[in-house]
Protein backbone atom coordinates (compact mmCIF):
# COMPACT_ATOMS: atom_id res chain seq x y z
CA MET A 1 74.72 -28.64 -74.61
CA GLY A 2 77.55 -30.55 -76.12
CA THR A 3 76.12 -29.70 -79.91
CA SER A 4 77.20 -27.95 -82.74
CA PRO A 5 75.98 -24.24 -83.03
CA ILE A 6 72.90 -23.98 -85.17
CA SER A 7 71.48 -20.89 -86.58
CA ALA A 8 67.70 -19.40 -85.84
CA THR A 9 65.57 -16.46 -87.30
CA LEU A 10 62.95 -14.96 -84.91
CA VAL A 11 60.27 -12.31 -86.20
CA ALA A 12 58.46 -10.03 -83.54
CA THR A 13 55.05 -8.87 -84.16
CA LYS A 14 52.19 -6.62 -83.04
CA PRO A 15 49.45 -8.02 -82.40
CA ALA A 16 50.47 -11.53 -83.42
CA ALA A 17 50.51 -12.58 -87.27
CA PHE A 18 49.88 -15.83 -86.70
CA ASN A 19 47.06 -14.95 -84.27
CA THR A 20 45.53 -11.57 -84.19
CA ASN A 21 43.53 -12.53 -81.27
CA PHE A 22 46.77 -11.91 -78.91
CA GLN A 23 48.50 -8.17 -78.74
CA GLY A 24 52.47 -9.55 -79.42
CA GLY A 25 53.90 -12.72 -80.61
CA ALA A 26 57.02 -14.28 -81.96
CA VAL A 27 57.90 -17.03 -84.52
CA ILE A 28 61.11 -19.23 -84.19
CA THR A 29 62.60 -21.04 -87.79
CA VAL A 30 65.04 -23.46 -86.69
CA PRO A 31 66.81 -24.29 -89.88
CA SER A 32 66.56 -29.23 -90.16
CA PHE A 33 64.33 -28.79 -86.37
CA GLY A 34 61.31 -26.84 -85.99
CA VAL A 35 59.15 -23.26 -86.05
CA PHE A 36 58.26 -22.50 -82.55
CA LYS A 37 55.40 -19.72 -81.93
CA ILE A 38 54.62 -17.97 -78.49
CA ALA A 39 51.82 -15.09 -78.03
CA ALA A 40 50.54 -14.08 -75.20
CA ASN A 41 48.15 -10.54 -73.95
CA ILE A 42 49.25 -9.05 -70.96
CA ASN A 43 46.64 -6.55 -69.29
CA ALA A 44 46.40 -4.98 -65.74
CA ASP A 45 43.69 -7.95 -64.39
CA LYS A 46 44.62 -10.95 -67.19
CA ILE A 47 47.26 -12.39 -68.74
CA GLU A 48 47.16 -15.23 -71.41
CA PHE A 49 49.53 -17.01 -73.86
CA ILE A 50 49.17 -19.32 -76.71
CA THR A 51 52.06 -21.60 -78.45
CA TYR A 52 52.95 -23.99 -81.33
CA GLU A 53 55.51 -26.34 -82.41
CA ASP A 54 55.75 -27.06 -85.63
CA GLN A 55 58.11 -30.01 -86.35
CA THR A 56 56.25 -31.50 -89.00
CA SER A 57 59.14 -30.66 -91.69
CA VAL A 58 61.64 -33.29 -90.06
CA THR A 59 59.56 -35.45 -88.88
CA PRO A 60 55.96 -35.75 -90.33
CA ASN A 61 52.70 -35.15 -88.18
CA LYS A 62 54.81 -34.09 -84.64
CA SER A 63 53.18 -30.64 -83.56
CA GLY A 64 51.41 -29.20 -80.72
CA ALA A 65 49.67 -26.57 -79.30
CA THR A 66 49.26 -25.40 -75.64
CA TYR A 67 46.70 -22.33 -74.10
CA GLY A 68 46.81 -21.00 -70.65
CA SER A 69 44.84 -17.96 -68.99
CA PHE A 70 44.63 -16.30 -65.53
CA ASP A 71 42.18 -14.10 -64.49
CA LYS A 72 43.95 -11.77 -61.00
CA VAL A 73 40.60 -10.46 -60.37
CA SER A 74 37.90 -13.79 -61.01
CA GLY A 75 40.40 -16.11 -60.27
CA ASP A 76 39.39 -17.86 -63.50
CA ALA A 77 42.09 -19.89 -64.83
CA TYR A 78 42.38 -22.14 -67.78
CA PHE A 79 44.77 -25.01 -69.59
CA GLU A 80 44.72 -26.85 -72.84
CA ALA A 81 47.27 -28.43 -74.64
CA ARG A 82 46.71 -30.62 -78.03
CA LEU A 83 49.36 -32.76 -78.84
CA GLU A 84 49.42 -34.67 -81.97
CA ARG A 85 52.09 -37.35 -82.79
CA LEU A 86 49.63 -40.31 -83.76
CA ASN A 87 50.95 -41.19 -87.23
CA CYS A 88 54.53 -39.95 -86.40
CA THR A 89 56.73 -42.78 -86.17
CA GLU A 90 59.54 -41.78 -84.05
CA VAL A 91 60.27 -44.21 -81.78
CA GLY A 92 60.27 -43.11 -78.44
CA SER A 93 58.57 -39.79 -79.44
CA CYS A 94 55.64 -40.76 -81.27
CA GLY A 95 52.84 -42.45 -81.66
CA TRP A 96 49.99 -40.67 -79.97
CA ASN A 97 48.15 -38.23 -79.57
CA ARG A 98 46.99 -36.29 -76.01
CA HIS A 99 44.11 -33.58 -75.85
CA ILE A 100 44.12 -32.52 -71.72
CA ARG A 101 41.54 -28.86 -70.83
CA ALA A 102 41.48 -27.76 -67.35
CA LYS A 103 39.20 -25.00 -66.18
CA ALA A 104 39.88 -23.73 -62.59
CA LYS A 105 39.03 -20.98 -59.53
CA LEU A 106 41.25 -19.83 -57.56
CA THR A 107 42.14 -17.72 -54.34
CA VAL A 108 43.43 -14.91 -55.13
CA SER A 109 45.61 -12.18 -52.62
CA GLY A 110 47.05 -9.36 -54.13
CA GLY A 111 46.90 -10.94 -57.90
CA SER A 112 48.57 -13.56 -56.72
CA PRO A 113 47.01 -17.40 -56.71
CA THR A 114 46.61 -18.04 -52.72
CA ASP A 115 44.49 -21.71 -52.92
CA LEU A 116 42.28 -23.85 -54.90
CA GLN A 117 38.54 -23.43 -55.22
CA SER A 118 37.58 -25.67 -57.89
CA ILE A 119 38.62 -27.13 -60.81
CA SER A 120 37.30 -29.43 -63.19
CA PHE A 121 40.32 -31.44 -65.73
CA ALA A 122 40.13 -33.76 -69.08
CA TYR A 123 42.89 -35.47 -70.44
CA ALA A 124 42.97 -38.14 -73.11
CA ASN A 125 46.04 -40.06 -74.90
CA ILE A 126 45.61 -42.79 -77.33
CA GLN A 127 48.26 -44.76 -78.78
CA SER A 128 49.41 -46.50 -82.29
CA THR A 129 51.80 -48.30 -83.88
CA PRO A 130 54.33 -47.98 -85.77
CA GLY A 131 55.39 -45.23 -82.92
CA GLN A 132 54.55 -47.39 -79.98
CA SER A 133 54.43 -51.13 -79.67
CA GLY A 134 50.77 -51.26 -79.57
CA PHE A 135 47.19 -50.16 -79.23
CA ALA A 136 46.00 -48.22 -76.14
CA GLY A 137 43.49 -45.26 -75.10
CA THR A 138 43.52 -43.32 -71.53
CA LEU A 139 40.83 -41.08 -70.56
CA VAL A 140 41.34 -39.20 -66.87
CA THR A 141 38.88 -37.03 -65.32
CA ALA A 142 38.39 -34.70 -62.64
CA GLY A 143 35.74 -32.15 -60.82
CA GLY A 144 34.48 -30.93 -57.53
CA ASP A 145 35.65 -27.91 -54.97
CA SER A 146 37.54 -28.05 -51.83
CA THR A 147 34.06 -28.17 -49.77
CA LEU A 148 32.62 -31.21 -51.31
CA GLY A 149 35.27 -33.03 -52.73
CA PHE A 150 37.05 -33.97 -55.78
CA LYS A 151 35.89 -36.73 -57.72
CA ALA A 152 38.54 -38.63 -59.70
CA ARG A 153 37.35 -40.63 -63.01
CA LEU A 154 39.01 -43.21 -65.34
CA TRP A 155 38.28 -44.93 -68.19
CA GLN A 156 40.20 -47.24 -71.00
CA ALA A 157 39.61 -47.80 -74.00
CA THR A 158 38.86 -51.46 -75.48
CA ASN A 159 38.03 -53.20 -78.80
CA GLY A 160 34.21 -53.46 -77.57
CA SER A 161 34.64 -57.09 -76.39
CA GLY A 162 36.61 -56.84 -73.95
CA GLY A 163 39.95 -56.73 -75.23
CA SER A 164 42.62 -54.30 -76.05
CA PRO A 165 42.13 -51.89 -78.96
CA ALA A 166 44.00 -53.26 -82.16
CA SER A 167 43.38 -50.65 -84.14
CA THR A 168 43.28 -46.67 -84.08
CA ALA A 169 38.84 -47.01 -85.24
CA ASP A 170 37.96 -48.93 -81.96
CA TYR A 171 38.89 -45.64 -80.31
CA THR A 172 36.26 -43.87 -82.60
CA THR A 173 33.14 -46.03 -80.42
CA ALA A 174 32.33 -43.87 -77.45
CA GLY A 175 30.97 -47.82 -75.86
CA ASN A 176 34.38 -49.16 -76.54
CA TRP A 177 36.05 -46.34 -73.67
CA VAL A 178 35.20 -48.83 -69.91
CA GLU A 179 35.15 -46.90 -66.73
CA THR A 180 37.30 -48.41 -63.82
CA THR A 181 34.95 -47.41 -61.14
CA ASN A 182 36.75 -45.75 -58.30
CA SER A 183 34.27 -44.76 -55.52
CA ASN A 184 36.25 -42.31 -53.84
CA CYS A 185 35.54 -38.33 -53.13
CA TYR A 186 38.98 -36.58 -51.96
CA LEU A 187 39.22 -34.20 -49.41
CA GLY A 188 41.77 -32.11 -47.63
CA SER A 189 41.48 -34.53 -44.39
CA SER A 190 39.58 -38.30 -46.38
CA GLU A 191 39.68 -39.71 -49.30
CA SER A 192 36.26 -41.59 -48.53
CA ALA A 193 33.88 -38.62 -47.96
CA THR A 194 30.60 -38.84 -49.46
CA THR A 195 29.76 -35.22 -50.57
CA CYS A 196 31.60 -35.72 -53.85
CA GLY A 197 29.29 -35.02 -56.74
CA THR A 198 29.66 -37.15 -60.13
CA GLY A 199 32.76 -35.42 -61.45
CA VAL A 200 33.07 -34.50 -65.27
CA ALA A 201 31.59 -37.35 -67.49
CA GLY A 202 33.40 -39.50 -70.30
CA PHE A 203 32.09 -39.26 -74.17
CA THR A 204 28.50 -39.66 -75.20
CA THR A 205 29.93 -39.24 -78.46
CA PRO A 206 31.82 -40.70 -81.14
CA PRO A 207 35.28 -38.50 -79.14
CA PRO A 208 36.22 -35.20 -80.91
CA PHE A 209 38.65 -34.83 -77.55
CA LEU A 210 40.53 -37.59 -78.57
CA MET A 211 41.85 -35.79 -81.82
CA MET A 212 40.63 -37.69 -84.54
CA SER A 213 38.64 -37.68 -87.54
CA THR A 214 36.37 -34.83 -87.54
CA TYR A 215 38.63 -32.43 -85.30
CA THR A 216 40.51 -29.03 -85.34
CA ALA A 217 44.20 -29.63 -85.81
CA ALA A 218 46.94 -28.02 -84.06
CA SER A 219 47.78 -25.87 -86.73
CA THR A 220 44.68 -24.46 -87.45
CA TRP A 221 43.23 -24.50 -83.87
CA HIS A 222 46.47 -21.86 -82.89
CA THR A 223 46.15 -19.40 -85.04
CA THR A 224 42.34 -18.95 -84.95
CA TYR A 225 41.58 -19.49 -80.99
CA ALA A 226 40.46 -16.78 -79.25
CA GLY A 227 40.73 -17.35 -75.50
CA ALA A 228 38.98 -19.94 -73.21
CA SER A 229 35.50 -18.33 -71.33
CA TYR A 230 32.95 -20.94 -70.82
CA LEU A 231 32.04 -21.23 -67.03
CA GLY A 232 30.86 -24.96 -66.96
CA ALA A 233 32.62 -28.09 -66.43
CA VAL A 234 35.27 -29.35 -69.55
CA ASP A 235 33.44 -31.05 -71.65
CA VAL A 236 34.99 -34.16 -73.67
CA ASN A 237 32.27 -34.46 -76.32
CA VAL A 238 33.69 -31.22 -78.38
CA ASP A 239 36.81 -30.50 -80.04
CA THR A 240 37.34 -27.14 -79.18
CA GLN A 241 35.43 -25.05 -75.71
């Protein structure tokens, strides 16, 4: 990559030392760069993993955690990403928090996914200075199934009076998030089916899904999370699910 050689320390443990809910894990420490963790459970019917990236020693508040799982029998698949860089000052790489949560039901053949039956999905992104040039917030959700159709929805943050948010405080009021109406219902052969439900609703309470104020930081979340098991839709009114 055109860089000088670097040294790294790798420590592997069974079970994972940083989260004993996982069968095995590894921690990679790269001096002057960061700490990276990964752990996994691999069973006959299910695989899952969790990761954590910590660059706080280099640039404050630059971290993130992810989780994913797939059940080869039920077809249930889960994914979550919690990326924290809102207060990081590195221009172009910081100034945002992103939270992604998805639950899908897949058709399985021979232990491998072959088709999508249903999905429930939410993505939130907020940004602020100094890492970004201004303030903006977006929430995107989607939900439905391949028979009735998939419904996508979009909300954007305001300052409560129709203008753009002027500070991170504007994000924490549920009423400041305004939905842009999407009348489409998506099926394989149509964008205007009439069979969709309402999809995944937006915030009705001060939204911890944005990872602000009272929420579980990725630095803690990745050490205690024991895996996703909820059967219903994703919920953007809760910090963890």
